[in-house]
Amino acid sequence: MMSKAAAVGAETNDSRPPLILMEDIRKTYRMGSETIHALNGIDLRVNHGDFVAIVGPSGSGKSTLMNVMGCLDTPTSGKYLLDGADVTRLSDNRLAEIRNRKIGFIFQNFQLLPRLTALQNVELPLIYRGVPARERREKAVETLRRVGLGERLHHLPGQLSGGQQQRVAIARALVGDPPLLLADEPTGALDTKTSRDLLDLLQRLNEEGRTIVLITHDPEVAARAKRIVRITDGTMAEERGMAS
């Protein structure tokens, strides 16, 4: 019998298990005497090579879902398999290790360290992994060139435009070759043309085989994805999927 999570996911000919498999994920918070149900039975399957947009209004549960999906938080109940490993009840240290190796984060406000150059910012995930200095520098340079910033290696974030800063953030997310790119409102701080260029880059990365989950409230941004999934009041339903 097919699980509920399998129903909210695109078909694939890939023999690998899904990159993300969430089954009946729930997250509750206590606020005084009140219980807040932020996630209320989320079922989601994301296959390798997918490009999924998760959309919903403010307060719908998008941020909570992103935190659970990104191993920044754990669910109250349910099962979450990331790249075949159950991450539902891991320690903070294990979750930090998984975040470093399995997930590349792209945030709305870039989250670059202002006193480090573009190159140094991109090197950071590799430093945490213990990659030798020469190797990590070579990988960081190569990745910055891939996103079109080969001439900006030694610029500080404050010397770069918003679009360039977001490209640095994308390079930082890519440099460790994680299986999943998790983008949280990545165009929120950018103008229309820069947003379009950034989405073109994400689409190209997906065409090269990168798996991307994009959190957004913007239907025009979501339209770039292969699949659109809507979250409302902590529950989820697929709105559009690619034919197999």
Protein backbone atom coordinates (compact mmCIF):
# COMPACT_ATOMS: atom_id res chain seq x y z
CA MET A 1 0.00 0.00 0.00
CA MET A 2 1.40 3.42 -0.94
CA SER A 3 2.17 5.72 1.99
CA LYS A 4 0.64 9.17 2.21
CA ALA A 5 4.08 10.70 1.68
CA ALA A 6 4.47 8.84 -1.59
CA ALA A 7 1.28 10.50 -2.81
CA VAL A 8 2.79 13.98 -2.37
CA GLY A 9 5.76 13.45 -4.65
CA ALA A 10 6.66 13.16 -8.30
CA GLU A 11 7.22 9.82 -10.00
CA THR A 12 10.80 8.98 -10.98
CA ASN A 13 12.78 6.36 -12.84
CA ASP A 14 15.69 6.88 -10.43
CA SER A 15 16.31 3.67 -8.48
CA ARG A 16 17.70 5.55 -5.49
CA PRO A 17 15.48 6.15 -2.47
CA PRO A 18 13.98 9.65 -2.28
CA LEU A 19 16.31 12.37 -1.09
CA ILE A 20 13.60 13.64 1.26
CA LEU A 21 10.83 11.48 2.69
CA MET A 22 8.59 13.00 5.34
CA GLU A 23 5.76 11.00 6.85
CA ASP A 24 3.17 12.53 9.19
CA ILE A 25 5.55 15.24 10.42
CA ARG A 26 4.05 17.27 13.26
CA LYS A 27 5.49 20.18 15.21
CA THR A 28 3.78 21.71 18.21
CA TYR A 29 4.79 24.54 20.50
CA ARG A 30 3.51 25.60 23.90
CA MET A 31 2.72 29.28 24.39
CA GLY A 32 1.50 29.62 27.94
CA SER A 33 -1.58 27.42 28.21
CA GLU A 34 -2.05 27.28 24.43
CA THR A 35 -0.70 24.59 22.08
CA ILE A 36 0.32 25.80 18.61
CA HIS A 37 0.21 23.19 15.83
CA ALA A 38 2.77 24.61 13.38
CA LEU A 39 2.97 21.44 11.27
CA ASN A 40 -0.01 19.12 11.25
CA GLY A 41 0.78 15.86 9.46
CA ILE A 42 3.17 16.85 6.65
CA ASP A 43 3.79 14.16 4.01
CA LEU A 44 6.38 14.95 1.35
CA ARG A 45 8.62 13.09 -1.07
CA VAL A 46 11.43 14.85 -2.96
CA ASN A 47 13.43 12.75 -5.41
CA HIS A 48 17.00 13.30 -6.55
CA GLY A 49 17.02 15.95 -9.28
CA ASP A 50 13.70 17.50 -8.23
CA PHE A 51 13.06 21.24 -8.15
CA VAL A 52 10.24 21.82 -5.66
CA ALA A 53 8.72 25.13 -4.60
CA ILE A 54 6.92 25.22 -1.28
CA VAL A 55 4.49 28.13 -1.17
CA GLY A 56 2.08 29.51 1.38
CA PRO A 57 1.06 32.69 3.20
CA SER A 58 2.73 34.09 6.29
CA GLY A 59 2.01 31.86 9.29
CA SER A 60 1.28 28.82 7.14
CA GLY A 61 4.18 26.77 8.54
CA LYS A 62 6.75 27.39 5.78
CA SER A 63 9.49 28.54 8.14
CA THR A 64 8.89 25.69 10.57
CA LEU A 65 8.96 23.19 7.72
CA MET A 66 12.20 24.69 6.40
CA ASN A 67 13.80 24.40 9.84
CA VAL A 68 12.82 20.73 10.12
CA MET A 69 13.80 19.96 6.53
CA GLY A 70 17.15 21.71 7.04
CA CYS A 71 17.84 19.81 10.29
CA LEU A 72 17.77 23.10 12.20
CA ASP A 73 14.91 21.73 14.31
CA THR A 74 13.36 18.35 15.03
CA PRO A 75 9.70 17.39 14.68
CA THR A 76 7.49 16.60 17.64
CA SER A 77 6.43 13.38 15.92
CA GLY A 78 6.62 11.64 12.55
CA LYS A 79 9.52 10.35 10.45
CA TYR A 80 12.01 12.27 8.32
CA LEU A 81 14.47 10.38 6.11
CA LEU A 82 17.15 12.54 4.48
CA ASP A 83 19.15 10.76 1.78
CA GLY A 84 18.05 7.45 3.29
CA ALA A 85 19.03 8.29 6.90
CA ASP A 86 16.48 8.82 9.68
CA VAL A 87 17.26 12.27 11.12
CA THR A 88 14.15 12.55 13.24
CA ARG A 89 15.73 12.11 16.68
CA LEU A 90 19.42 12.91 16.29
CA SER A 91 21.54 14.95 18.70
CA ASP A 92 22.41 18.56 17.92
CA ASN A 93 25.99 17.57 17.05
CA ARG A 94 24.86 14.91 14.58
CA LEU A 95 22.36 17.31 13.02
CA ALA A 96 25.12 19.90 12.58
CA GLU A 97 27.29 17.32 10.83
CA ILE A 98 24.44 16.33 8.52
CA ARG A 99 23.69 19.98 7.70
CA ASN A 100 27.32 20.51 6.71
CA ARG A 101 27.49 17.45 4.45
CA LYS A 102 23.97 17.06 3.09
CA ILE A 103 22.44 20.55 2.77
CA GLY A 104 23.50 23.78 1.11
CA PHE A 105 21.54 26.75 2.51
CA ILE A 106 20.63 29.89 0.55
CA PHE A 107 18.98 32.61 2.66
CA GLN A 108 17.09 35.78 1.82
CA ASN A 109 19.59 38.01 3.64
CA PHE A 110 22.66 36.12 2.31
CA GLN A 111 24.21 35.59 5.80
CA LEU A 112 27.74 36.30 4.61
CA LEU A 113 30.40 37.24 7.15
CA PRO A 114 31.13 40.93 6.41
CA ARG A 115 34.84 40.87 7.28
CA LEU A 116 35.59 37.88 5.02
CA THR A 117 36.10 38.07 1.27
CA ALA A 118 33.86 36.22 -1.15
CA LEU A 119 36.50 33.50 -1.39
CA GLN A 120 36.82 33.17 2.39
CA ASN A 121 33.04 33.01 2.84
CA VAL A 122 32.79 30.19 0.32
CA GLU A 123 35.62 28.28 1.99
CA LEU A 124 33.83 28.15 5.36
CA PRO A 125 31.88 24.86 4.91
CA LEU A 126 35.10 23.15 3.85
CA ILE A 127 36.97 24.50 6.88
CA TYR A 128 34.32 22.90 9.11
CA ARG A 129 34.92 19.62 7.29
CA GLY A 130 38.66 19.81 7.82
CA VAL A 131 39.52 20.08 4.12
CA PRO A 132 43.20 21.10 3.64
CA ALA A 133 43.78 24.78 2.83
CA ARG A 134 45.03 24.34 -0.75
CA GLU A 135 42.19 22.00 -1.72
CA ARG A 136 39.47 24.14 -0.22
CA ARG A 137 40.83 27.28 -1.89
CA GLU A 138 40.86 25.56 -5.29
CA LYS A 139 37.28 24.31 -4.82
CA ALA A 140 36.08 27.73 -3.63
CA VAL A 141 37.68 29.50 -6.61
CA GLU A 142 36.18 26.99 -9.04
CA THR A 143 32.72 27.32 -7.50
CA LEU A 144 32.77 31.13 -7.54
CA ARG A 145 33.71 30.99 -11.21
CA ARG A 146 30.76 28.67 -11.85
CA VAL A 147 28.36 31.30 -10.52
CA GLY A 148 30.00 34.09 -12.50
CA LEU A 149 32.12 35.72 -9.79
CA GLY A 150 35.62 34.74 -10.85
CA GLU A 151 36.60 38.42 -10.89
CA ARG A 152 35.25 39.15 -7.41
CA LEU A 153 37.14 36.59 -5.31
CA HIS A 154 38.76 39.11 -2.97
CA HIS A 155 35.86 41.54 -2.59
CA LEU A 156 34.15 41.93 0.77
CA PRO A 157 30.35 41.53 0.87
CA GLY A 158 29.95 45.29 1.31
CA GLN A 159 31.75 45.80 -2.01
CA LEU A 160 29.29 43.58 -3.89
CA SER A 161 25.76 44.18 -5.15
CA GLY A 162 22.85 42.26 -3.66
CA GLY A 163 22.79 39.88 -6.62
CA GLN A 164 26.52 39.26 -6.34
CA GLN A 165 26.21 38.60 -2.62
CA GLN A 166 23.48 36.04 -3.29
CA ARG A 167 25.74 34.37 -5.86
CA VAL A 168 28.45 34.13 -3.21
CA ALA A 169 25.86 32.52 -0.94
CA ILE A 170 24.96 30.05 -3.70
CA ALA A 171 28.64 29.24 -4.22
CA ARG A 172 29.01 28.64 -0.48
CA ALA A 173 26.00 26.31 -0.61
CA LEU A 174 27.46 24.42 -3.60
CA VAL A 175 31.12 24.14 -2.62
CA GLY A 176 30.73 21.05 -0.43
CA ASP A 177 28.71 19.26 -3.14
CA PRO A 178 25.68 18.57 -0.90
CA PRO A 179 22.81 16.52 -2.37
CA LEU A 180 20.23 19.18 -1.39
CA LEU A 181 20.05 22.94 -1.94
CA LEU A 182 17.52 24.55 0.41
CA ALA A 183 16.66 28.12 -0.63
CA ASP A 184 14.59 30.26 1.75
CA GLU A 185 13.05 33.26 -0.08
CA PRO A 186 16.31 33.68 -2.06
CA THR A 187 15.00 36.56 -4.19
CA GLY A 188 13.32 38.46 -1.35
CA ALA A 189 16.03 41.14 -1.10
CA LEU A 190 16.64 41.50 -4.85
CA ASP A 191 15.18 43.63 -7.63
CA THR A 192 13.20 42.10 -10.47
CA LYS A 193 16.05 41.71 -12.99
CA THR A 194 18.49 40.37 -10.42
CA SER A 195 15.83 37.94 -9.17
CA ARG A 196 15.30 36.68 -12.71
CA ASP A 197 19.04 36.16 -13.19
CA LEU A 198 19.27 34.30 -9.90
CA LEU A 199 16.36 32.03 -10.79
CA ASP A 200 17.99 31.34 -14.17
CA LEU A 201 21.08 30.20 -12.25
CA LEU A 202 19.04 27.94 -9.96
CA GLN A 203 17.28 26.43 -12.96
CA ARG A 204 20.60 25.75 -14.63
CA LEU A 205 21.92 24.08 -11.48
CA ASN A 206 18.82 21.90 -11.39
CA GLU A 207 19.28 20.96 -15.04
CA GLU A 208 22.82 19.88 -14.09
CA GLY A 209 21.30 17.49 -11.55
CA ARG A 210 21.07 19.54 -8.34
CA THR A 211 18.06 18.90 -6.12
CA ILE A 212 16.49 22.18 -5.01
CA VAL A 213 13.74 22.95 -2.52
CA LEU A 214 12.65 26.58 -2.72
CA ILE A 215 10.59 28.24 0.02
CA THR A 216 8.68 31.26 -1.30
CA HIS A 217 5.50 33.30 -1.01
CA ASP A 218 5.89 34.61 -4.58
CA PRO A 219 3.91 32.67 -7.26
CA GLU A 220 6.18 33.98 -10.04
CA VAL A 221 9.24 32.57 -8.27
CA ALA A 222 7.45 29.28 -7.57
CA ALA A 223 6.51 28.96 -11.25
CA ARG A 224 10.19 28.29 -12.08
CA ALA A 225 10.07 24.98 -10.18
CA LYS A 226 9.07 21.59 -11.61
CA ARG A 227 6.66 21.02 -8.75
CA ILE A 228 4.66 23.40 -6.56
CA VAL A 229 3.48 22.30 -3.14
CA ARG A 230 1.24 24.52 -1.03
CA ILE A 231 1.26 24.59 2.75
CA THR A 232 -1.71 26.05 4.62
CA ASP A 233 -2.25 25.93 8.38
CA GLY A 234 0.48 23.31 8.72
CA THR A 235 -0.92 20.91 6.12
CA MET A 236 0.32 20.30 2.59
CA ALA A 237 -1.03 19.47 -0.86
CA GLU A 238 0.60 19.23 -4.28
CA GLU A 239 -0.64 21.86 -6.72
CA ARG A 240 1.41 21.00 -9.77
CA GLY A 241 3.77 18.17 -10.69
CA MET A 242 5.77 17.17 -13.70
CA ALA A 243 4.50 14.18 -15.65
CA SER A 244 6.72 11.12 -15.32
